[in-house]
Amino acid sequence: MDVGVVRYGVGMGELRRGRAKKALRWWVKAARARHAGACYALAFCAVNGVGGPASEEEAAMWFGAAAKLGHVRGQNEYGYCFEKGEGVEQNSKEAARWYEKAARKGYAMAQCNLGGLYYQGKGVEQSYEQALKWWRLAARQNDPVAQNKLACLYANSQGTQQDWPRALRLFRRAAAQGYTDATHNVRVMEGEPAAVRRCALPSCGAVADEARGQRHLCCAGCKRTPAACYYCSAACQAADAARHGPLCPGQA
């Protein structure tokens, strides 16, 4: 039997008995025998401070070790370390490289993350079409974040023709899983009364007139809440976009 598998199993047994430090020692031995799962377990412990102090640097090291051994979740997490600069120097190109490795293996979270980089043009050439491709793959696996982002593309005709019925179906699927941004977007699309909103264009600030049907959803890459990107008219939305370039105000 593979010695790495044995050592990893012993470590799991120690963890179940509440002996985290002993588990770590066995997992280090398993990692030295090139056991990818042990590397990932060590990274998880470093993130959460299990068996010792939390350490972003140590977590990134072990995520990297797992990723290089082909561990799909390790590849996604290593990409996240590079995207956010956690434990390693921030590097969007490396983030995209590791996300893509996991995404091509069908890992939904990596597909969603890679789509986000394409949407923003970070580490890759900006492409709504590529964002659509990867979010669609993740959405098919019922990932609520991807479903919400994909719906925004259909609602805002980014990378595809505008398709409000499809956008609404996707928002509803994400909302059914408890994703709050999608719940808000369903209410916006269905015209449900909401709290008073003011136009997000600083030079306007008028109360949004929902009776006129001016419901402009937040774009898929926005870092603010959808309500913060509400405009009283398409003209104000276009004017604000012109101030910030191709991305919405929340992403600039």
C-alpha atoms as a PDB file:
ATOM      1  CA  MET A   1       0.000   0.000   0.000  1.00  0.00           C
ATOM      2  CA  ASP A   2       1.115   3.546  -0.736  1.00  0.00           C
ATOM      3  CA  VAL A   3       2.916   4.890   2.333  1.00  0.00           C
ATOM      4  CA  GLY A   4       1.426   8.348   1.756  1.00  0.00           C
ATOM      5  CA  VAL A   5      -2.108   6.932   1.899  1.00  0.00           C
ATOM      6  CA  VAL A   6      -1.318   5.104   5.136  1.00  0.00           C
ATOM      7  CA  ARG A   7       0.163   8.183   6.800  1.00  0.00           C
ATOM      8  CA  TYR A   8      -2.729  10.347   5.657  1.00  0.00           C
ATOM      9  CA  GLY A   9      -5.206   7.835   7.100  1.00  0.00           C
ATOM     10  CA  VAL A  10      -3.401   7.747  10.440  1.00  0.00           C
ATOM     11  CA  GLY A  11      -3.525  11.533  10.523  1.00  0.00           C
ATOM     12  CA  MET A  12      -7.277  11.520   9.907  1.00  0.00           C
ATOM     13  CA  GLY A  13      -7.699   9.082  12.783  1.00  0.00           C
ATOM     14  CA  GLU A  14      -5.741  11.350  15.098  1.00  0.00           C
ATOM     15  CA  LEU A  15      -7.868  14.331  14.073  1.00  0.00           C
ATOM     16  CA  ARG A  16     -11.080  12.430  14.818  1.00  0.00           C
ATOM     17  CA  ARG A  17      -9.716  11.732  18.298  1.00  0.00           C
ATOM     18  CA  GLY A  18      -9.152  15.462  18.782  1.00  0.00           C
ATOM     19  CA  ARG A  19      -5.364  15.263  18.501  1.00  0.00           C
ATOM     20  CA  ALA A  20      -4.787  17.901  15.845  1.00  0.00           C
ATOM     21  CA  LYS A  21      -1.050  18.335  16.431  1.00  0.00           C
ATOM     22  CA  LYS A  22      -0.439  14.611  15.984  1.00  0.00           C
ATOM     23  CA  ALA A  23      -2.583  14.694  12.846  1.00  0.00           C
ATOM     24  CA  LEU A  24      -0.400  17.472  11.433  1.00  0.00           C
ATOM     25  CA  ARG A  25       2.765  15.462  12.065  1.00  0.00           C
ATOM     26  CA  TRP A  26       1.351  12.484  10.170  1.00  0.00           C
ATOM     27  CA  TRP A  27       0.146  14.677   7.318  1.00  0.00           C
ATOM     28  CA  VAL A  28       3.583  16.250   6.976  1.00  0.00           C
ATOM     29  CA  LYS A  29       4.991  12.729   6.623  1.00  0.00           C
ATOM     30  CA  ALA A  30       2.307  11.922   4.045  1.00  0.00           C
ATOM     31  CA  ALA A  31       3.015  15.158   2.167  1.00  0.00           C
ATOM     32  CA  ARG A  32       6.690  14.217   1.967  1.00  0.00           C
ATOM     33  CA  ALA A  33       5.485  11.034   0.267  1.00  0.00           C
ATOM     34  CA  ARG A  34       3.684  13.228  -2.295  1.00  0.00           C
ATOM     35  CA  HIS A  35       0.132  12.715  -1.001  1.00  0.00           C
ATOM     36  CA  ALA A  36      -1.900  15.602  -2.445  1.00  0.00           C
ATOM     37  CA  GLY A  37      -4.749  15.257   0.053  1.00  0.00           C
ATOM     38  CA  ALA A  38      -2.339  15.607   2.957  1.00  0.00           C
ATOM     39  CA  CYS A  39      -0.933  18.802   1.442  1.00  0.00           C
ATOM     40  CA  TYR A  40      -4.442  20.201   1.116  1.00  0.00           C
ATOM     41  CA  ALA A  41      -5.281  19.190   4.692  1.00  0.00           C
ATOM     42  CA  LEU A  42      -2.177  20.984   5.954  1.00  0.00           C
ATOM     43  CA  ALA A  43      -3.180  24.093   4.005  1.00  0.00           C
ATOM     44  CA  PHE A  44      -6.700  23.974   5.440  1.00  0.00           C
ATOM     45  CA  CYS A  45      -5.273  23.749   8.963  1.00  0.00           C
ATOM     46  CA  ALA A  46      -2.938  26.679   8.299  1.00  0.00           C
ATOM     47  CA  VAL A  47      -5.861  28.807   7.094  1.00  0.00           C
ATOM     48  CA  ASN A  48      -8.003  28.002  10.112  1.00  0.00           C
ATOM     49  CA  GLY A  49      -5.343  27.801  12.805  1.00  0.00           C
ATOM     50  CA  VAL A  50      -5.910  24.104  13.541  1.00  0.00           C
ATOM     51  CA  GLY A  51      -3.050  22.548  15.489  1.00  0.00           C
ATOM     52  CA  GLY A  52      -1.103  25.789  15.455  1.00  0.00           C
ATOM     53  CA  PRO A  53      -1.322  29.497  14.592  1.00  0.00           C
ATOM     54  CA  ALA A  54      -2.997  30.517  11.332  1.00  0.00           C
ATOM     55  CA  SER A  55      -0.542  31.472   8.591  1.00  0.00           C
ATOM     56  CA  GLU A  56      -1.325  32.720   5.082  1.00  0.00           C
ATOM     57  CA  GLU A  57       2.245  31.975   3.964  1.00  0.00           C
ATOM     58  CA  GLU A  58       2.133  28.381   5.193  1.00  0.00           C
ATOM     59  CA  ALA A  59      -1.331  27.887   3.727  1.00  0.00           C
ATOM     60  CA  ALA A  60      -0.176  29.141   0.326  1.00  0.00           C
ATOM     61  CA  MET A  61       2.858  26.846   0.453  1.00  0.00           C
ATOM     62  CA  TRP A  62       0.740  23.760   1.106  1.00  0.00           C
ATOM     63  CA  PHE A  63      -1.989  24.767  -1.367  1.00  0.00           C
ATOM     64  CA  GLY A  64       0.804  25.112  -3.928  1.00  0.00           C
ATOM     65  CA  ALA A  65       2.163  21.678  -3.066  1.00  0.00           C
ATOM     66  CA  ALA A  66      -1.308  20.140  -3.460  1.00  0.00           C
ATOM     67  CA  ALA A  67      -1.904  22.047  -6.706  1.00  0.00           C
ATOM     68  CA  LYS A  68       1.349  20.850  -8.242  1.00  0.00           C
ATOM     69  CA  LEU A  69       0.343  17.282  -7.426  1.00  0.00           C
ATOM     70  CA  GLY A  70      -2.913  17.775  -9.379  1.00  0.00           C
ATOM     71  CA  HIS A  71      -5.320  18.314  -6.469  1.00  0.00           C
ATOM     72  CA  VAL A  72      -8.229  20.175  -8.080  1.00  0.00           C
ATOM     73  CA  ARG A  73      -9.378  22.091  -5.004  1.00  0.00           C
ATOM     74  CA  GLY A  74      -5.760  22.861  -4.203  1.00  0.00           C
ATOM     75  CA  GLN A  75      -5.350  24.338  -7.685  1.00  0.00           C
ATOM     76  CA  ASN A  76      -8.361  26.571  -7.180  1.00  0.00           C
ATOM     77  CA  GLU A  77      -7.206  27.707  -3.740  1.00  0.00           C
ATOM     78  CA  TYR A  78      -3.669  28.327  -4.977  1.00  0.00           C
ATOM     79  CA  GLY A  79      -5.156  30.487  -7.725  1.00  0.00           C
ATOM     80  CA  TYR A  80      -7.130  32.385  -5.094  1.00  0.00           C
ATOM     81  CA  CYS A  81      -3.923  33.000  -3.123  1.00  0.00           C
ATOM     82  CA  PHE A  82      -2.401  34.624  -6.202  1.00  0.00           C
ATOM     83  CA  GLU A  83      -5.546  36.600  -7.030  1.00  0.00           C
ATOM     84  CA  LYS A  84      -5.798  38.094  -3.547  1.00  0.00           C
ATOM     85  CA  GLY A  85      -2.095  38.170  -2.659  1.00  0.00           C
ATOM     86  CA  GLU A  86      -2.602  35.944   0.380  1.00  0.00           C
ATOM     87  CA  GLY A  87       0.673  34.326   1.412  1.00  0.00           C
ATOM     88  CA  VAL A  88       2.231  35.043  -1.978  1.00  0.00           C
ATOM     89  CA  GLU A  89       2.833  38.135  -4.097  1.00  0.00           C
ATOM     90  CA  GLN A  90      -0.344  39.129  -5.926  1.00  0.00           C
ATOM     91  CA  ASN A  91      -0.230  37.867  -9.518  1.00  0.00           C
ATOM     92  CA  SER A  92      -3.409  37.750 -11.632  1.00  0.00           C
ATOM     93  CA  LYS A  93      -1.734  35.788 -14.443  1.00  0.00           C
ATOM     94  CA  GLU A  94      -0.749  33.022 -12.039  1.00  0.00           C
ATOM     95  CA  ALA A  95      -4.254  33.115 -10.571  1.00  0.00           C
ATOM     96  CA  ALA A  96      -5.749  32.600 -14.029  1.00  0.00           C
ATOM     97  CA  ARG A  97      -3.289  29.772 -14.778  1.00  0.00           C
ATOM     98  CA  TRP A  98      -4.196  27.789 -11.679  1.00  0.00           C
ATOM     99  CA  TYR A  99      -7.916  28.523 -11.921  1.00  0.00           C
ATOM    100  CA  GLU A 100      -7.900  27.243 -15.484  1.00  0.00           C
ATOM    101  CA  LYS A 101      -6.213  23.976 -14.500  1.00  0.00           C
ATOM    102  CA  ALA A 102      -9.001  23.276 -12.022  1.00  0.00           C
ATOM    103  CA  ALA A 103     -11.725  24.690 -14.275  1.00  0.00           C
ATOM    104  CA  ARG A 104     -10.778  22.355 -17.110  1.00  0.00           C
ATOM    105  CA  LYS A 105     -11.249  19.456 -14.713  1.00  0.00           C
ATOM    106  CA  GLY A 106     -14.834  20.599 -14.186  1.00  0.00           C
ATOM    107  CA  TYR A 107     -14.486  22.235 -10.763  1.00  0.00           C
ATOM    108  CA  ALA A 108     -17.364  24.729 -10.573  1.00  0.00           C
ATOM    109  CA  MET A 109     -15.766  27.169  -8.119  1.00  0.00           C
ATOM    110  CA  ALA A 110     -12.680  27.477 -10.317  1.00  0.00           C
ATOM    111  CA  GLN A 111     -14.860  27.985 -13.396  1.00  0.00           C
ATOM    112  CA  CYS A 112     -16.692  30.768 -11.577  1.00  0.00           C
ATOM    113  CA  ASN A 113     -13.427  32.385 -10.448  1.00  0.00           C
ATOM    114  CA  LEU A 114     -11.887  32.162 -13.917  1.00  0.00           C
ATOM    115  CA  GLY A 115     -14.987  33.744 -15.417  1.00  0.00           C
ATOM    116  CA  GLY A 116     -14.555  36.628 -12.995  1.00  0.00           C
ATOM    117  CA  LEU A 117     -10.994  37.254 -14.192  1.00  0.00           C
ATOM    118  CA  TYR A 118     -12.137  37.286 -17.826  1.00  0.00           C
ATOM    119  CA  TYR A 119     -14.971  39.670 -16.969  1.00  0.00           C
ATOM    120  CA  GLN A 120     -12.570  42.078 -15.311  1.00  0.00           C
ATOM    121  CA  GLY A 121      -9.632  41.521 -17.658  1.00  0.00           C
ATOM    122  CA  LYS A 122      -7.277  40.603 -14.812  1.00  0.00           C
ATOM    123  CA  GLY A 123      -4.409  38.305 -15.782  1.00  0.00           C
ATOM    124  CA  VAL A 124      -6.167  37.548 -19.076  1.00  0.00           C
ATOM    125  CA  GLU A 125      -7.474  39.547 -22.007  1.00  0.00           C
ATOM    126  CA  GLN A 126     -10.857  41.000 -21.090  1.00  0.00           C
ATOM    127  CA  SER A 127     -13.642  38.997 -22.694  1.00  0.00           C
ATOM    128  CA  TYR A 128     -17.343  38.885 -21.846  1.00  0.00           C
ATOM    129  CA  GLU A 129     -17.603  35.863 -24.141  1.00  0.00           C
ATOM    130  CA  GLN A 130     -15.062  33.907 -22.092  1.00  0.00           C
ATOM    131  CA  ALA A 131     -16.739  35.001 -18.873  1.00  0.00           C
ATOM    132  CA  LEU A 132     -20.022  33.732 -20.317  1.00  0.00           C
ATOM    133  CA  LYS A 133     -18.407  30.403 -21.231  1.00  0.00           C
ATOM    134  CA  TRP A 134     -16.967  29.678 -17.798  1.00  0.00           C
ATOM    135  CA  TRP A 135     -19.941  30.989 -15.796  1.00  0.00           C
ATOM    136  CA  ARG A 136     -22.266  28.922 -17.943  1.00  0.00           C
ATOM    137  CA  LEU A 137     -20.268  25.760 -17.152  1.00  0.00           C
ATOM    138  CA  ALA A 138     -20.340  26.518 -13.431  1.00  0.00           C
ATOM    139  CA  ALA A 139     -24.037  27.446 -13.539  1.00  0.00           C
ATOM    140  CA  ARG A 140     -24.833  24.054 -15.063  1.00  0.00           C
ATOM    141  CA  GLN A 141     -23.411  22.554 -11.879  1.00  0.00           C
ATOM    142  CA  ASN A 142     -25.887  24.654  -9.887  1.00  0.00           C
ATOM    143  CA  ASP A 143     -23.320  27.102  -8.547  1.00  0.00           C
ATOM    144  CA  PRO A 144     -25.474  30.039  -7.312  1.00  0.00           C
ATOM    145  CA  VAL A 145     -22.752  32.675  -7.686  1.00  0.00           C
ATOM    146  CA  ALA A 146     -22.177  31.674 -11.301  1.00  0.00           C
ATOM    147  CA  GLN A 147     -25.919  31.566 -11.972  1.00  0.00           C
ATOM    148  CA  ASN A 148     -26.314  35.117 -10.674  1.00  0.00           C
ATOM    149  CA  LYS A 149     -23.338  36.433 -12.661  1.00  0.00           C
ATOM    150  CA  LEU A 150     -24.441  34.640 -15.823  1.00  0.00           C
ATOM    151  CA  ALA A 151     -27.922  36.101 -15.421  1.00  0.00           C
ATOM    152  CA  CYS A 152     -26.410  39.593 -15.251  1.00  0.00           C
ATOM    153  CA  LEU A 153     -24.678  38.978 -18.594  1.00  0.00           C
ATOM    154  CA  TYR A 154     -27.979  37.989 -20.188  1.00  0.00           C
ATOM    155  CA  ALA A 155     -29.784  40.926 -18.594  1.00  0.00           C
ATOM    156  CA  ASN A 156     -27.156  43.447 -19.705  1.00  0.00           C
ATOM    157  CA  SER A 157     -26.406  41.878 -23.145  1.00  0.00           C
ATOM    158  CA  GLN A 158     -22.709  41.392 -22.325  1.00  0.00           C
ATOM    159  CA  GLY A 159     -21.078  38.700 -24.458  1.00  0.00           C
ATOM    160  CA  THR A 160     -24.465  37.574 -25.711  1.00  0.00           C
ATOM    161  CA  GLN A 161     -27.828  38.876 -26.879  1.00  0.00           C
ATOM    162  CA  GLN A 162     -30.086  40.243 -24.168  1.00  0.00           C
ATOM    163  CA  ASP A 163     -32.382  37.537 -22.833  1.00  0.00           C
ATOM    164  CA  TRP A 164     -34.452  38.712 -19.862  1.00  0.00           C
ATOM    165  CA  PRO A 165     -36.511  35.484 -19.483  1.00  0.00           C
ATOM    166  CA  ARG A 166     -33.325  33.424 -19.257  1.00  0.00           C
ATOM    167  CA  ALA A 167     -31.793  35.943 -16.854  1.00  0.00           C
ATOM    168  CA  LEU A 168     -34.849  35.738 -14.606  1.00  0.00           C
ATOM    169  CA  ARG A 169     -34.759  31.908 -14.608  1.00  0.00           C
ATOM    170  CA  LEU A 170     -31.108  31.961 -13.552  1.00  0.00           C
ATOM    171  CA  PHE A 171     -31.713  34.575 -10.855  1.00  0.00           C
ATOM    172  CA  ARG A 172     -34.538  32.436  -9.475  1.00  0.00           C
ATOM    173  CA  ARG A 173     -32.347  29.318  -9.391  1.00  0.00           C
ATOM    174  CA  ALA A 174     -29.642  31.173  -7.494  1.00  0.00           C
ATOM    175  CA  ALA A 175     -32.182  32.799  -5.167  1.00  0.00           C
ATOM    176  CA  ALA A 176     -33.692  29.381  -4.384  1.00  0.00           C
ATOM    177  CA  GLN A 177     -30.292  28.443  -2.932  1.00  0.00           C
ATOM    178  CA  GLY A 178     -30.342  31.437  -0.615  1.00  0.00           C
ATOM    179  CA  TYR A 179     -28.045  33.712  -2.638  1.00  0.00           C
ATOM    180  CA  THR A 180     -29.154  37.180  -1.505  1.00  0.00           C
ATOM    181  CA  ASP A 181     -27.904  39.179  -4.509  1.00  0.00           C
ATOM    182  CA  ALA A 182     -30.004  36.944  -6.769  1.00  0.00           C
ATOM    183  CA  THR A 183     -33.044  37.390  -4.520  1.00  0.00           C
ATOM    184  CA  HIS A 184     -32.734  41.164  -4.910  1.00  0.00           C
ATOM    185  CA  ASN A 185     -32.332  40.864  -8.679  1.00  0.00           C
ATOM    186  CA  VAL A 186     -35.464  38.713  -8.938  1.00  0.00           C
ATOM    187  CA  ARG A 187     -37.398  41.449  -7.132  1.00  0.00           C
ATOM    188  CA  VAL A 188     -35.994  44.098  -9.443  1.00  0.00           C
ATOM    189  CA  MET A 189     -36.875  42.168 -12.597  1.00  0.00           C
ATOM    190  CA  GLU A 190     -40.361  41.307 -11.393  1.00  0.00           C
ATOM    191  CA  GLY A 191     -41.003  44.937 -10.480  1.00  0.00           C
ATOM    192  CA  GLU A 192     -41.636  44.226  -6.820  1.00  0.00           C
ATOM    193  CA  PRO A 193     -41.701  47.410  -4.727  1.00  0.00           C
ATOM    194  CA  ALA A 194     -38.447  47.960  -2.885  1.00  0.00           C
ATOM    195  CA  ALA A 195     -36.904  50.561  -0.628  1.00  0.00           C
ATOM    196  CA  VAL A 196     -36.519  54.023  -2.138  1.00  0.00           C
ATOM    197  CA  ARG A 197     -33.438  54.146  -4.360  1.00  0.00           C
ATOM    198  CA  ARG A 198     -31.551  57.151  -5.624  1.00  0.00           C
ATOM    199  CA  CYS A 199     -29.737  57.272  -8.917  1.00  0.00           C
ATOM    200  CA  ALA A 200     -26.087  56.123  -8.579  1.00  0.00           C
ATOM    201  CA  LEU A 201     -24.877  58.890 -10.916  1.00  0.00           C
ATOM    202  CA  PRO A 202     -23.403  61.482  -8.498  1.00  0.00           C
ATOM    203  CA  SER A 203     -24.537  64.461 -10.564  1.00  0.00           C
ATOM    204  CA  CYS A 204     -28.134  63.195 -10.581  1.00  0.00           C
ATOM    205  CA  GLY A 205     -29.165  61.502  -7.341  1.00  0.00           C
ATOM    206  CA  ALA A 206     -32.841  61.543  -8.290  1.00  0.00           C
ATOM    207  CA  VAL A 207     -35.222  59.010  -6.793  1.00  0.00           C
ATOM    208  CA  ALA A 208     -35.518  56.095  -9.187  1.00  0.00           C
ATOM    209  CA  ASP A 209     -38.909  56.027 -10.866  1.00  0.00           C
ATOM    210  CA  GLU A 210     -39.740  52.323 -11.063  1.00  0.00           C
ATOM    211  CA  ALA A 211     -43.088  53.096 -12.656  1.00  0.00           C
ATOM    212  CA  ARG A 212     -41.147  54.067 -15.814  1.00  0.00           C
ATOM    213  CA  GLY A 213     -39.569  50.640 -15.906  1.00  0.00           C
ATOM    214  CA  GLN A 214     -36.026  51.967 -15.478  1.00  0.00           C
ATOM    215  CA  ARG A 215     -34.647  48.878 -13.778  1.00  0.00           C
ATOM    216  CA  HIS A 216     -30.935  48.644 -14.521  1.00  0.00           C
ATOM    217  CA  LEU A 217     -29.277  45.683 -12.864  1.00  0.00           C
ATOM    218  CA  CYS A 218     -25.793  45.813 -11.441  1.00  0.00           C
ATOM    219  CA  CYS A 219     -23.176  44.370 -13.803  1.00  0.00           C
ATOM    220  CA  ALA A 220     -21.713  40.927 -13.134  1.00  0.00           C
ATOM    221  CA  GLY A 221     -18.365  42.231 -11.951  1.00  0.00           C
ATOM    222  CA  CYS A 222     -19.652  44.792  -9.488  1.00  0.00           C
ATOM    223  CA  LYS A 223     -18.161  44.730  -5.997  1.00  0.00           C
ATOM    224  CA  ARG A 224     -21.030  46.743  -4.531  1.00  0.00           C
ATOM    225  CA  THR A 225     -24.567  45.603  -3.871  1.00  0.00           C
ATOM    226  CA  PRO A 226     -26.960  45.646  -6.834  1.00  0.00           C
ATOM    227  CA  ALA A 227     -28.975  48.429  -5.161  1.00  0.00           C
ATOM    228  CA  ALA A 228     -25.899  50.663  -5.175  1.00  0.00           C
ATOM    229  CA  CYS A 229     -25.810  50.492  -8.976  1.00  0.00           C
ATOM    230  CA  TYR A 230     -29.410  51.527  -9.595  1.00  0.00           C
ATOM    231  CA  TYR A 231     -29.998  54.314 -12.121  1.00  0.00           C
ATOM    232  CA  CYS A 232     -33.092  56.361 -12.718  1.00  0.00           C
ATOM    233  CA  SER A 233     -32.607  56.084 -16.481  1.00  0.00           C
ATOM    234  CA  ALA A 234     -30.555  54.405 -19.159  1.00  0.00           C
ATOM    235  CA  ALA A 235     -28.980  57.808 -19.907  1.00  0.00           C
ATOM    236  CA  CYS A 236     -27.636  58.095 -16.351  1.00  0.00           C
ATOM    237  CA  GLN A 237     -26.346  54.545 -16.485  1.00  0.00           C
ATOM    238  CA  ALA A 238     -24.485  55.309 -19.724  1.00  0.00           C
ATOM    239  CA  ALA A 239     -23.121  58.556 -18.318  1.00  0.00           C
ATOM    240  CA  ASP A 240     -21.753  56.818 -15.241  1.00  0.00           C
ATOM    241  CA  ALA A 241     -20.204  54.069 -17.339  1.00  0.00           C
ATOM    242  CA  ALA A 242     -18.480  56.719 -19.451  1.00  0.00           C
ATOM    243  CA  ARG A 243     -16.924  58.180 -16.290  1.00  0.00           C
ATOM    244  CA  HIS A 244     -15.384  54.869 -15.299  1.00  0.00           C
ATOM    245  CA  GLY A 245     -14.662  53.096 -18.564  1.00  0.00           C
ATOM    246  CA  PRO A 246     -16.045  49.670 -19.572  1.00  0.00           C
ATOM    247  CA  LEU A 247     -16.665  48.493 -16.011  1.00  0.00           C
ATOM    248  CA  CYS A 248     -19.446  49.671 -13.736  1.00  0.00           C
ATOM    249  CA  PRO A 249     -18.809  52.162 -10.914  1.00  0.00           C
ATOM    250  CA  GLY A 250     -18.607  49.469  -8.292  1.00  0.00           C
ATOM    251  CA  GLN A 251     -15.809  47.707 -10.155  1.00  0.00           C
ATOM    252  CA  ALA A 252     -13.721  50.779 -11.023  1.00  0.00           C
END
